[in-house]
Amino acid sequence: MSKNANVWGTRQKIVTVLPEDTFGISKILSDYRVETTFQTLGHRSTKVEISHYYSTTTLKAKLVNLIAKGKIGRDTQATLNAAKAAIEAACRAG
C-alpha cells in the first residue's frame, strides 16, 4: 500500500493481481490487475475508485473483454455501493 500526500489529503492504493484462477481467465488475461484507491477529501468524506487493467493482445482476450467488460463494470459498481452502504450504516450506528 502506498501513501501520497496531496492538496486533498491522504491517498492509499491497494493493487490486486490474479495469479491463477479455476476458470482459466488468468491464462487469457495474464496481466489482469485491479487498483483500488482511497482518497481522503475531508473529515467525513473519502473518494474510492476501482480500476481494472488488462491487455487484450490475443483474439481470445478480445472476446473475453467483449463478454466480461459489462459484467466487470456492474460488479465493480455493486461492490462500491455495498461498501458505501456498510460504511454509512456503521457511521450512523455510532
C-alpha atoms as a PDB file:
ATOM      1  CA  MET A   1       0.000   0.000   0.000  1.00  0.00           C
ATOM      2  CA  SER A   2       1.342   3.434  -0.829  1.00  0.00           C
ATOM      3  CA  LYS A   3       0.527   6.813   0.655  1.00  0.00           C
ATOM      4  CA  ASN A   4       0.878  10.083  -1.229  1.00  0.00           C
ATOM      5  CA  ALA A   5       0.109  13.437   0.372  1.00  0.00           C
ATOM      6  CA  ASN A   6      -1.565  15.973  -1.879  1.00  0.00           C
ATOM      7  CA  VAL A   7      -3.774  19.035  -1.529  1.00  0.00           C
ATOM      8  CA  TRP A   8      -6.875  16.885  -0.991  1.00  0.00           C
ATOM      9  CA  GLY A   9      -5.424  14.675   1.714  1.00  0.00           C
ATOM     10  CA  THR A  10      -4.030  11.189   2.014  1.00  0.00           C
ATOM     11  CA  ARG A  11      -4.257   8.732  -0.848  1.00  0.00           C
ATOM     12  CA  GLN A  12      -3.892   4.985  -0.367  1.00  0.00           C
ATOM     13  CA  LYS A  13      -3.813   2.376  -3.106  1.00  0.00           C
ATOM     14  CA  ILE A  14      -4.334  -1.372  -2.998  1.00  0.00           C
ATOM     15  CA  VAL A  15      -3.261  -3.338  -6.068  1.00  0.00           C
ATOM     16  CA  THR A  16      -4.689  -6.830  -6.584  1.00  0.00           C
ATOM     17  CA  VAL A  17      -3.375  -9.270  -9.179  1.00  0.00           C
ATOM     18  CA  LEU A  18      -4.901 -12.522 -10.387  1.00  0.00           C
ATOM     19  CA  PRO A  19      -2.073 -15.071 -10.323  1.00  0.00           C
ATOM     20  CA  GLU A  20      -4.337 -18.019 -11.207  1.00  0.00           C
ATOM     21  CA  ASP A  21      -8.000 -18.981 -11.162  1.00  0.00           C
ATOM     22  CA  THR A  22     -10.195 -22.010 -11.747  1.00  0.00           C
ATOM     23  CA  PHE A  23     -11.861 -20.520 -14.850  1.00  0.00           C
ATOM     24  CA  GLY A  24      -8.599 -20.032 -16.773  1.00  0.00           C
ATOM     25  CA  ILE A  25      -9.058 -16.271 -17.101  1.00  0.00           C
ATOM     26  CA  SER A  26      -5.554 -15.652 -15.769  1.00  0.00           C
ATOM     27  CA  LYS A  27      -4.132 -17.536 -18.761  1.00  0.00           C
ATOM     28  CA  ILE A  28      -6.090 -15.345 -21.199  1.00  0.00           C
ATOM     29  CA  LEU A  29      -5.623 -12.044 -19.319  1.00  0.00           C
ATOM     30  CA  SER A  30      -2.181 -12.711 -17.849  1.00  0.00           C
ATOM     31  CA  ASP A  31      -1.594  -9.098 -16.725  1.00  0.00           C
ATOM     32  CA  TYR A  32      -5.019  -8.521 -15.121  1.00  0.00           C
ATOM     33  CA  ARG A  33      -4.862  -6.243 -12.079  1.00  0.00           C
ATOM     34  CA  VAL A  34      -7.291  -4.184 -10.043  1.00  0.00           C
ATOM     35  CA  GLU A  35      -6.300  -0.923  -8.369  1.00  0.00           C
ATOM     36  CA  THR A  36      -8.456   0.367  -5.531  1.00  0.00           C
ATOM     37  CA  THR A  37      -7.647   3.929  -4.486  1.00  0.00           C
ATOM     38  CA  PHE A  38      -8.923   5.666  -1.355  1.00  0.00           C
ATOM     39  CA  GLN A  39      -8.519   9.428  -1.126  1.00  0.00           C
ATOM     40  CA  THR A  40      -9.460  11.472   1.925  1.00  0.00           C
ATOM     41  CA  LEU A  41     -11.498  14.517   0.886  1.00  0.00           C
ATOM     42  CA  GLY A  42     -12.351  15.801   4.331  1.00  0.00           C
ATOM     43  CA  HIS A  43     -13.106  14.782   7.879  1.00  0.00           C
ATOM     44  CA  ARG A  44     -16.111  12.663   6.881  1.00  0.00           C
ATOM     45  CA  SER A  45     -15.589  12.097   3.170  1.00  0.00           C
ATOM     46  CA  THR A  46     -13.485   9.622   1.189  1.00  0.00           C
ATOM     47  CA  LYS A  47     -13.308   9.100  -2.564  1.00  0.00           C
ATOM     48  CA  VAL A  48     -12.976   5.452  -3.663  1.00  0.00           C
ATOM     49  CA  GLU A  49     -12.011   4.421  -7.185  1.00  0.00           C
ATOM     50  CA  ILE A  50     -11.725   0.875  -8.518  1.00  0.00           C
ATOM     51  CA  SER A  51      -9.910   0.464 -11.836  1.00  0.00           C
ATOM     52  CA  HIS A  52      -9.345  -2.735 -13.818  1.00  0.00           C
ATOM     53  CA  TYR A  53      -6.362  -3.093 -16.149  1.00  0.00           C
ATOM     54  CA  TYR A  54      -5.507  -5.849 -18.618  1.00  0.00           C
ATOM     55  CA  SER A  55      -4.178  -6.258 -22.146  1.00  0.00           C
ATOM     56  CA  THR A  56      -6.234  -7.677 -24.997  1.00  0.00           C
ATOM     57  CA  THR A  57      -3.445  -8.760 -27.304  1.00  0.00           C
ATOM     58  CA  THR A  58      -4.988 -12.047 -28.484  1.00  0.00           C
ATOM     59  CA  LEU A  59      -8.291 -12.789 -30.162  1.00  0.00           C
ATOM     60  CA  LYS A  60      -9.333 -14.858 -27.145  1.00  0.00           C
ATOM     61  CA  ALA A  61      -8.567 -11.917 -24.818  1.00  0.00           C
ATOM     62  CA  LYS A  62     -10.567  -9.566 -27.048  1.00  0.00           C
ATOM     63  CA  LEU A  63     -13.552 -11.929 -26.913  1.00  0.00           C
ATOM     64  CA  VAL A  64     -13.300 -12.226 -23.112  1.00  0.00           C
ATOM     65  CA  ASN A  65     -13.155  -8.430 -22.911  1.00  0.00           C
ATOM     66  CA  LEU A  66     -16.227  -8.076 -25.093  1.00  0.00           C
ATOM     67  CA  ILE A  67     -18.193 -10.504 -22.943  1.00  0.00           C
ATOM     68  CA  ALA A  68     -16.834  -9.582 -19.499  1.00  0.00           C
ATOM     69  CA  LYS A  69     -16.496  -5.789 -19.715  1.00  0.00           C
ATOM     70  CA  GLY A  70     -20.115  -5.067 -18.821  1.00  0.00           C
ATOM     71  CA  LYS A  71     -20.163  -7.616 -16.009  1.00  0.00           C
ATOM     72  CA  ILE A  72     -16.920  -6.278 -14.557  1.00  0.00           C
ATOM     73  CA  GLY A  73     -18.414  -2.772 -14.565  1.00  0.00           C
ATOM     74  CA  ARG A  74     -21.677  -3.898 -12.930  1.00  0.00           C
ATOM     75  CA  ASP A  75     -19.865  -5.976 -10.300  1.00  0.00           C
ATOM     76  CA  THR A  76     -17.494  -3.102  -9.528  1.00  0.00           C
ATOM     77  CA  GLN A  77     -20.385  -0.661  -9.098  1.00  0.00           C
ATOM     78  CA  ALA A  78     -22.190  -3.170  -6.857  1.00  0.00           C
ATOM     79  CA  THR A  79     -19.047  -3.500  -4.719  1.00  0.00           C
ATOM     80  CA  LEU A  80     -18.780   0.286  -4.371  1.00  0.00           C
ATOM     81  CA  ASN A  81     -22.482   0.585  -3.498  1.00  0.00           C
ATOM     82  CA  ALA A  82     -22.256  -2.175  -0.862  1.00  0.00           C
ATOM     83  CA  ALA A  83     -19.134  -0.653   0.712  1.00  0.00           C
ATOM     84  CA  LYS A  84     -20.758   2.786   0.806  1.00  0.00           C
ATOM     85  CA  ALA A  85     -23.900   1.397   2.451  1.00  0.00           C
ATOM     86  CA  ALA A  86     -21.884  -0.528   5.049  1.00  0.00           C
ATOM     87  CA  ILE A  87     -19.724   2.479   5.917  1.00  0.00           C
ATOM     88  CA  GLU A  88     -22.710   4.821   6.177  1.00  0.00           C
ATOM     89  CA  ALA A  89     -24.593   2.322   8.374  1.00  0.00           C
ATOM     90  CA  ALA A  90     -21.577   1.983  10.663  1.00  0.00           C
ATOM     91  CA  CYS A  91     -21.281   5.775  10.949  1.00  0.00           C
ATOM     92  CA  ARG A  92     -24.976   6.100  11.830  1.00  0.00           C
ATOM     93  CA  ALA A  93     -24.665   3.348  14.448  1.00  0.00           C
ATOM     94  CA  GLY A  94     -22.004   5.141  16.290  1.00  0.00           C
END
